[in-house]
Amino acid sequence: MTKPGSSPHPTGPSTSGHPATENLAPSLSTLMLSIGSTCIMAMGLAPNPATGKIEKDLQLARFNIDLLSMLQEKTKGNLSPEEEKFMSALIHDLRMKFVQAN
């Protein structure tokens, strides 16, 4: 149960104590980076941090690229210029890497 006037969802840095998320604040850029990182791992370009192994799943990579593309379409006109530039560059880069991974 949350206290009156408090939010059940923290908006500041994580208090979980997990080193990987300790200094991250929830933001659209963080969401894009998370999806992009999952895509990079699914293309076999980075190891899975849980296993340390390279795992290739191009179907999952394609899904994540499509997910970012859908997010771009749904947020059109609501992003800052920096967010729009970052999202476009991320999607373009992931698509080029996907073509090379095939």
Foldseek 3Di string as FASTA:
>chain_A
DDDPPDDPDDQAFDPPPPVVRRHDGDDPVVVLVVLLVQLCQQLQNAPDVVVRHRHHHLVSNVVSLVVLVVVLVVCVPPDDPVSNVVSVVSSVVSVVSSVVSD
